[in-house]
Protein backbone atom coordinates (compact mmCIF):
# COMPACT_ATOMS: atom_id res chain seq x y z
CA MET A 1 0.31 -0.15 -0.29
CA ASP A 2 2.91 2.48 0.79
CA THR A 3 4.23 1.62 -2.63
CA GLU A 4 0.94 2.17 -4.32
CA ASP A 5 1.10 5.86 -2.32
CA GLY A 6 4.43 6.50 -3.46
CA THR A 7 4.06 5.71 -6.71
CA VAL A 8 0.69 8.06 -7.19
CA LYS A 9 2.43 11.08 -5.28
CA GLN A 10 5.67 10.36 -7.86
CA LEU A 11 3.41 10.28 -10.72
CA GLU A 12 1.66 13.55 -9.53
CA ALA A 13 4.64 15.20 -9.06
CA SER A 14 6.02 14.80 -12.56
CA GLN A 15 3.05 15.65 -13.96
CA ALA A 16 2.66 19.54 -12.09
CA PRO A 17 3.36 22.18 -13.61
CA GLU A 18 6.92 24.01 -13.34
CA ALA A 19 7.70 27.45 -11.65
CA PRO A 20 7.42 30.41 -14.14
CA ILE A 21 11.29 31.52 -14.55
CA GLN A 22 11.15 35.17 -14.46
CA ALA A 23 13.61 36.88 -16.87
CA ASP A 24 16.24 39.67 -15.47
CA ALA A 25 15.14 42.96 -15.15
CA GLY A 26 16.74 45.63 -16.48
CA PRO A 27 19.32 47.08 -19.47
CA SER A 28 21.32 44.20 -20.68
CA THR A 29 24.83 44.83 -18.61
CA GLY A 30 25.90 41.16 -18.43
CA VAL A 31 24.93 41.89 -14.57
CA THR A 32 22.10 38.99 -13.16
CA SER A 33 19.97 41.20 -10.73
CA THR A 34 18.55 39.95 -7.55
CA PRO A 35 15.12 39.76 -6.38
CA ALA A 36 14.13 42.81 -4.87
CA PRO A 37 14.10 42.40 -0.71
CA VAL A 38 10.42 42.38 0.66
CA LEU A 39 9.80 45.23 3.30
CA SER A 40 9.20 44.18 6.65
CA LYS A 41 5.77 45.59 8.29
CA ASN A 42 7.78 48.44 10.20
CA GLN A 43 9.42 49.15 6.67
CA GLN A 44 5.59 49.46 4.90
CA LYS A 45 4.32 51.33 8.11
CA LYS A 46 6.47 54.17 7.41
CA ALA A 47 6.31 54.53 3.82
CA ALA A 48 2.61 54.60 4.42
CA LYS A 49 3.29 57.28 6.60
CA ARG A 50 5.99 59.40 4.25
CA ALA A 51 3.64 59.04 1.69
CA ARG A 52 0.56 60.73 3.69
CA ALA A 53 2.72 63.76 4.79
CA GLN A 54 4.36 64.25 1.35
CA GLU A 55 0.34 64.18 0.47
CA HIS A 56 -0.36 66.87 2.60
CA LYS A 57 2.89 68.49 1.97
CA LEU A 58 2.01 69.01 -1.64
CA GLU A 59 -1.74 70.26 -0.91
CA LYS A 60 -0.35 73.15 1.56
CA ARG A 61 2.25 74.27 -1.00
CA ALA A 62 -0.57 74.67 -3.48
CA VAL A 63 -2.84 76.45 -1.61
CA GLU A 64 -0.01 78.60 -0.43
CA ARG A 65 0.91 79.38 -4.09
CA VAL A 66 -2.50 80.25 -4.67
CA ARG A 67 -2.62 82.91 -1.80
CA ARG A 68 0.63 84.21 -2.75
CA ARG A 69 -0.36 84.85 -6.08
CA GLU A 70 -4.01 86.22 -4.89
CA ARG A 71 -1.89 88.59 -2.20
CA GLN A 72 0.57 89.82 -5.65
CA ALA A 73 -2.01 90.53 -7.48
CA ASP A 74 -4.11 92.61 -4.81
CA LEU A 75 -0.55 94.60 -3.70
CA LYS A 76 -0.46 95.30 -8.08
CA LYS A 77 -4.10 96.67 -7.85
CA GLY A 78 -3.36 98.45 -4.53
CA LEU A 79 -0.84 100.54 -6.54
CA ARG A 80 -2.76 101.62 -9.62
CA GLU A 81 -5.74 102.61 -7.54
CA GLY A 82 -3.50 104.01 -4.97
CA THR A 83 -4.69 102.74 -1.98
CA LEU A 84 -1.59 100.83 -0.64
CA THR A 85 -0.68 100.84 2.95
CA ASP A 86 2.74 102.07 3.85
CA ALA A 87 3.13 98.95 4.99
CA GLU A 88 1.93 97.15 2.28
CA ARG A 89 4.00 99.36 -0.68
CA GLU A 90 6.79 98.16 2.24
CA ILE A 91 6.31 94.29 0.94
CA LEU A 92 5.52 95.34 -2.66
CA ASP A 93 9.53 97.18 -2.53
CA LYS A 94 10.91 94.08 -1.16
CA SER A 95 9.58 91.84 -3.71
CA ARG A 96 11.01 93.88 -6.59
CA GLU A 97 14.25 94.41 -4.72
CA LEU A 98 14.78 90.85 -4.32
CA LYS A 99 13.48 89.91 -8.30
CA ARG A 100 16.26 93.02 -9.01
CA ALA A 101 18.53 91.08 -6.66
CA ARG A 102 18.10 87.57 -8.15
CA ARG A 103 18.34 89.03 -12.16
CA ALA A 104 21.75 90.58 -11.36
CA ALA A 105 22.72 87.10 -9.81
CA THR A 106 21.96 85.32 -12.77
CA LYS A 107 23.55 87.39 -15.26
CA GLY A 108 27.02 88.18 -13.12
CA THR A 109 27.21 83.67 -12.59
CA GLU A 110 26.96 83.82 -16.59
CA GLU A 111 30.52 84.03 -17.31
CA ASN A 112 31.41 81.48 -14.34
CA VAL A 113 29.48 78.52 -15.98
CA TRP A 114 31.57 75.30 -17.07
CA PRO A 115 30.97 74.86 -20.89
CA GLY A 116 31.30 71.51 -20.15
CA ALA A 117 28.28 68.58 -19.97
CA ILE A 118 27.34 65.81 -17.23
CA VAL A 119 25.17 63.03 -18.43
CA ILE A 120 23.01 61.31 -15.89
CA ASP A 121 21.82 57.90 -16.80
CA LEU A 122 18.47 56.92 -15.97
CA GLY A 123 17.87 53.69 -17.45
CA PHE A 124 17.52 51.85 -14.69
CA ASP A 125 14.35 52.38 -13.70
CA SER A 126 12.99 47.75 -13.33
CA LEU A 127 16.17 47.87 -11.08
CA MET A 128 15.00 49.56 -8.40
CA MET A 129 12.07 49.67 -5.78
CA ASP A 130 9.00 52.33 -5.43
CA GLY A 131 11.17 53.66 -2.18
CA GLU A 132 13.89 53.73 -4.43
CA ILE A 133 12.40 55.59 -6.94
CA THR A 134 11.44 58.44 -4.71
CA SER A 135 15.00 58.27 -3.79
CA MET A 136 16.11 59.12 -6.77
CA VAL A 137 13.85 61.83 -7.84
CA SER A 138 15.09 63.34 -4.62
CA GLN A 139 18.97 63.10 -5.85
CA LEU A 140 17.76 64.93 -8.93
CA THR A 141 16.07 67.73 -7.22
CA TYR A 142 19.69 68.59 -5.64
CA VAL A 143 21.44 67.98 -8.23
CA TYR A 144 19.17 71.16 -10.21
CA ALA A 145 19.40 72.70 -6.90
CA ALA A 146 23.18 72.82 -6.48
CA ASN A 147 23.54 73.55 -10.03
CA ARG A 148 21.29 76.20 -9.83
CA THR A 149 23.45 77.85 -6.83
CA ALA A 150 27.10 76.79 -7.75
CA LYS A 151 29.87 79.00 -8.16
CA ARG A 152 30.62 77.90 -11.15
CA PRO A 153 27.45 75.74 -12.40
CA VAL A 154 27.51 72.94 -15.44
CA SER A 155 26.25 74.39 -18.57
CA THR A 156 24.60 71.49 -19.33
CA VAL A 157 23.39 68.43 -17.63
CA LEU A 158 21.57 65.44 -20.18
CA HIS A 159 19.32 62.99 -18.66
CA THR A 160 18.76 60.45 -21.05
CA SER A 161 16.27 57.28 -20.66
CA PHE A 162 13.17 59.80 -19.34
CA SER A 163 10.19 59.37 -20.37
CA PRO A 164 6.78 57.05 -19.63
CA GLU A 165 8.06 54.20 -21.37
CA THR A 166 11.63 53.84 -20.76
CA SER A 167 10.95 55.05 -16.86
CA PRO A 168 7.46 54.98 -16.13
CA ARG A 169 7.57 55.05 -12.10
CA LEU A 170 10.72 58.02 -12.42
CA TRP A 171 8.36 59.81 -15.08
CA ASP A 172 5.20 60.02 -12.66
CA LYS A 173 7.66 60.99 -9.65
CA MET A 174 9.12 63.65 -11.36
CA ALA A 175 5.57 65.72 -12.55
CA ARG A 176 5.58 67.45 -9.01
CA ALA A 177 9.58 68.25 -9.37
CA GLN A 178 8.61 70.58 -12.29
CA TRP A 179 11.88 69.41 -14.02
CA HIS A 180 10.77 70.80 -17.31
CA ARG A 181 11.15 74.36 -15.80
CA TRP A 182 14.89 73.51 -14.79
CA LYS A 183 17.76 75.38 -16.82
CA ARG A 184 20.74 74.13 -17.71
CA MET A 185 18.48 70.94 -17.58
CA PHE A 186 17.95 68.72 -20.56
CA PHE A 187 15.44 65.13 -21.03
CA TRP A 188 16.06 62.48 -23.60
CA ALA A 189 13.99 59.42 -24.34
CA GLY A 190 16.52 57.77 -25.33
CA GLY A 191 19.54 56.13 -23.40
CA VAL A 192 23.50 56.10 -23.22
CA ASP A 193 23.51 53.85 -26.42
CA ALA A 194 21.43 56.23 -28.59
CA LEU A 195 23.78 59.31 -27.35
CA SER A 196 27.11 57.22 -28.28
CA THR A 197 25.28 56.41 -31.48
CA ARG A 198 24.11 59.91 -32.14
CA MET A 199 27.30 61.30 -31.51
CA GLY A 200 29.24 59.04 -33.48
CA GLU A 201 27.03 59.54 -36.17
CA GLU A 202 27.45 63.24 -36.11
CA ARG A 203 31.46 62.94 -35.71
CA ASP A 204 31.32 60.90 -39.19
CA LYS A 205 29.27 63.79 -40.70
CA GLU A 206 31.74 66.26 -39.64
CA VAL A 207 29.46 67.95 -38.26
CA THR A 208 29.99 70.86 -36.01
CA VAL A 209 26.62 70.94 -33.39
CA GLU A 210 26.20 74.47 -31.71
CA MET A 211 24.90 74.22 -28.12
CA PRO A 212 21.19 75.11 -28.55
CA VAL A 213 19.53 78.06 -26.85
CA LYS A 214 16.76 76.60 -24.69
CA SER A 215 13.50 78.49 -24.71
CA LYS A 216 11.90 80.09 -22.35
CA PRO A 217 9.78 77.55 -19.56
CA THR A 218 6.06 76.97 -20.11
CA ARG A 219 3.44 75.43 -18.28
CA ASP A 220 2.28 72.50 -20.56
CA VAL A 221 4.58 69.61 -19.20
CA PRO A 222 6.87 68.13 -22.69
CA SER A 223 5.17 64.74 -23.75
CA SER A 224 7.56 61.50 -24.46
CA GLU A 225 6.97 62.73 -28.42
CA ASP A 226 8.87 66.19 -27.77
CA LEU A 227 11.85 64.05 -26.13
CA SER A 228 12.09 61.68 -28.56
CA ASP A 229 14.77 63.05 -30.95
CA PRO A 230 16.00 66.16 -29.59
CA HIS A 231 19.22 67.73 -30.94
CA LEU A 232 22.52 66.79 -29.46
CA PRO A 233 23.39 69.96 -26.37
CA PHE A 234 27.02 69.46 -26.63
CA PRO A 235 29.42 68.81 -29.56
CA ALA A 236 29.42 65.45 -30.85
CA SER A 237 33.29 65.56 -31.14
CA ARG A 238 33.49 65.03 -27.32
CA GLN A 239 34.49 61.66 -25.59
CA LEU A 240 32.35 60.16 -23.32
CA VAL A 241 33.53 58.85 -19.96
CA TYR A 242 31.20 56.66 -17.60
CA LEU A 243 31.89 57.40 -13.82
CA SER A 244 32.22 54.38 -12.14
CA ALA A 245 33.59 53.11 -8.62
CA ASP A 246 34.55 49.94 -10.38
CA ALA A 247 36.63 51.54 -13.05
CA GLU A 248 40.66 51.06 -13.38
CA GLU A 249 41.42 54.30 -14.14
CA GLU A 250 41.54 56.85 -11.66
CA LEU A 251 40.16 60.42 -12.77
CA SER A 252 42.67 63.13 -12.45
CA THR A 253 40.71 66.20 -13.53
CA LEU A 254 37.63 67.42 -15.76
CA SER A 255 38.38 68.63 -18.91
CA GLU A 256 35.72 70.15 -21.28
CA GLY A 257 36.35 67.92 -23.88
CA GLU A 258 35.03 65.16 -22.19
CA VAL A 259 31.45 64.20 -20.70
CA TYR A 260 31.19 62.57 -17.85
CA ILE A 261 28.40 60.07 -17.43
CA ILE A 262 26.69 59.28 -13.54
CA GLY A 263 24.71 56.30 -13.15
CA GLY A 264 21.10 57.22 -11.61
CA ILE A 265 20.39 54.02 -9.64
CA VAL A 266 19.79 53.64 -6.20
CA ASP A 267 20.33 49.96 -5.53
CA ARG A 268 22.00 49.35 -2.10
CA ASN A 269 24.37 47.81 -3.79
CA ARG A 270 22.57 44.67 -4.54
CA HIS A 271 23.68 45.01 -8.34
CA LYS A 272 27.61 44.63 -8.53
CA ASN A 273 29.48 46.43 -11.38
CA LEU A 274 26.08 47.58 -13.22
CA CYS A 275 27.64 50.78 -14.49
CA GLN A 276 30.71 49.02 -15.09
CA GLY A 277 29.48 46.54 -17.03
CA LYS A 278 27.23 48.71 -19.24
CA ALA A 279 30.00 51.48 -20.44
CA GLU A 280 31.77 48.15 -21.44
CA GLY A 281 28.98 46.66 -23.09
CA LEU A 282 28.31 50.01 -24.76
CA GLY A 283 32.25 50.50 -25.65
CA ILE A 284 32.29 53.84 -23.30
CA ARG A 285 35.56 54.51 -20.86
CA THR A 286 35.44 54.31 -17.35
CA ALA A 287 36.82 56.16 -14.65
CA ARG A 288 36.15 56.28 -11.37
CA LEU A 289 36.81 59.76 -8.71
CA PRO A 290 40.06 59.59 -6.98
CA ILE A 291 38.86 59.00 -3.42
CA GLY A 292 41.14 56.84 -2.39
CA SER A 293 44.43 58.95 -3.31
CA PHE A 294 42.76 61.84 -1.20
CA ILE A 295 41.09 60.93 1.62
CA GLU A 296 42.82 57.71 3.58
CA ASN A 297 40.20 56.77 6.02
CA LEU A 298 37.22 56.00 4.11
CA PRO A 299 36.28 52.35 5.56
CA THR A 300 33.24 52.16 3.43
CA ARG A 301 32.95 51.23 -0.69
CA LYS A 302 33.46 53.90 -2.24
CA VAL A 303 29.93 54.02 -3.91
CA LEU A 304 28.07 57.53 -3.32
CA THR A 305 24.38 59.11 -4.28
CA VAL A 306 24.16 60.62 -8.18
CA ASN A 307 23.90 64.33 -6.12
CA GLN A 308 26.97 63.78 -3.78
CA VAL A 309 29.07 62.60 -6.81
CA TYR A 310 27.57 65.76 -9.06
CA GLU A 311 28.72 68.05 -6.01
CA ILE A 312 32.05 66.86 -5.90
CA LEU A 313 32.28 67.58 -9.84
CA LEU A 314 30.90 71.29 -9.15
CA ASN A 315 33.09 71.20 -5.74
CA TYR A 316 36.41 70.46 -7.75
CA LEU A 317 35.60 72.51 -11.17
CA ALA A 318 34.99 75.62 -8.26
CA LEU A 319 38.23 74.95 -6.07
CA LYS A 320 40.83 72.90 -8.75
CA ASP A 321 41.13 70.63 -5.55
CA TRP A 322 39.87 66.61 -4.94
CA LYS A 323 40.48 66.34 -1.40
CA ALA A 324 38.92 69.63 -0.46
CA ALA A 325 35.87 68.69 -2.74
CA PHE A 326 35.83 65.07 -1.08
CA GLU A 327 35.86 66.75 2.22
CA ALA A 328 32.47 69.17 1.34
CA VAL A 329 30.80 66.45 -0.01
CA ILE A 330 31.18 63.18 1.75
CA PRO A 331 28.71 62.55 4.92
CA GLN A 332 31.05 61.96 8.23
CA ARG A 333 29.16 58.63 8.69
CA LYS A 334 31.27 57.37 5.90
CA TYR A 335 34.01 57.77 8.07
CA PHE A 336 33.51 55.52 10.75
CA GLN A 337 34.47 51.57 11.14
CA SER A 338 31.22 50.75 13.07
CA LYS A 339 27.76 50.89 13.40
CA ASP A 340 28.38 51.57 16.94
CA GLN A 341 30.77 54.60 16.21
CA LYS A 342 28.36 55.96 13.80
CA LYS A 343 25.21 55.72 16.37
CA ALA A 344 27.36 57.62 19.20
CA ALA A 345 28.68 60.22 16.99
CA ASN A 346 25.19 60.80 15.65
CA VAL A 347 23.55 60.44 19.25
CA ALA A 348 26.18 63.31 20.44
CA LYS A 349 25.02 65.58 17.19
CA HIS A 350 21.89 64.86 17.20
CA GLY A 351 20.64 63.60 20.34
CA GLU A 352 18.77 59.99 20.49
CA THR A 353 17.00 60.05 17.12
CA GLY A 354 18.39 57.37 15.36
CA GLU A 355 18.03 56.55 11.92
CA ASP A 356 14.18 57.85 12.17
CA GLY A 357 15.42 61.39 12.67
CA GLU A 358 18.25 61.70 9.96
CA GLU A 359 15.45 60.51 7.42
CA GLY A 360 13.31 63.27 8.77
CA ARG A 361 16.08 66.08 8.28
CA GLU A 362 16.21 64.58 5.00
CA GLY A 363 12.70 65.02 4.07
CA GLU A 364 13.18 68.62 5.79
CA GLU A 365 15.93 69.09 3.66
CA LEU A 366 14.17 68.08 0.58
CA ASP A 367 10.75 70.04 0.74
CA GLN A 368 13.30 73.34 1.56
CA VAL A 369 15.12 72.19 -2.27
CA MET A 370 11.80 72.17 -3.65
CA GLU A 371 10.21 75.24 -1.94
CA GLU A 372 13.21 77.42 -2.97
CA ALA A 373 13.22 76.17 -6.73
CA MET A 374 9.82 76.39 -6.94
CA LYS A 375 9.70 80.28 -5.67
CA ASP A 376 12.95 80.84 -8.25
CA GLU A 377 10.40 80.15 -10.69
CA GLU A 378 7.47 81.94 -9.91
CA MET A 379 9.49 84.40 -9.39
CA ASP A 380 11.13 83.88 -12.77
CA GLU A 381 7.81 83.73 -14.32
CA GLU A 382 6.61 86.82 -13.35
CA ALA A 383 9.77 88.94 -13.84
CA ALA A 384 8.94 87.35 -17.30
CA MET A 385 5.16 88.63 -17.25
CA ASN A 386 6.13 92.04 -16.00
CA GLY A 387 8.88 92.37 -18.51
């Protein structure tokens, strides 16, 4: 009887359908992706709490924007009709003075713009979890804010693989950041491979490509069709260099004749050699930042966020000193040998806040960046309307 049961079970097992094999996600880089980790209940609660708080902040920001514009309209009407009080006239005068100062500061920094170019490769949407996509949006916002306020900003920052088709989740989350208003920032639907091909074709034609004049920002968000066949925003004669922590070559300086690519991915180190493998597959030269040559006591793996890499490049352009650039950007927690050292330093500086406190501070900083960026854009828009 036991034999018959065993035979039946073996027969049923042999007829059972096999489990489906899932295909690897993401770009073809020769690196097998690992399954995304499942969030714990505590992490899910934190994520839901942050989402609710963010939704509330967006609603408040929209109401405040409407209130500010209505207030500005009332002040202008009062000025025309001669009914402004002394306090209201003072508010209007300060607002105009601030606009003049901003315009003067912008004109003064134009001559300090570095004519080189940076590319941010966003072709990793499918390899990131939703929370990592949100972090990527934050990092891109920091990149824009850093370039806008830099002593020597980069003239051209090109984001590749950006469209509803190539990076759907990132496209949706970037809407609130008003990316289409970002100055000196360009967006392509095509990937780094398309960029490399386009540059090669232009070089073969021996065509000198001039940087296009970017039109004034509009209220309408560009569609994916607007990004599908754009002009090359820098000369095709330049050489692409993909920045990778796994590269053998060390970057010694920044050249206007080179275009530096930063991999736009947040993966908590799940995918090893991802950018290096992608660049090698496309035949693009790779190089790493010279962190080890200038900072000896950095025990952690030398992998930084997109905005940290970008800010290091900005600091180097301004200071011409790699060591000073690294020390100005790399957070102090990277220098600790253990979690205990990191926790002790964090408690000493901020009290018993822990990781949640750190996340809260980062969220507040991002809100400040977003608020400043939106205020700047509104002031620019209003100045344009007033002539």
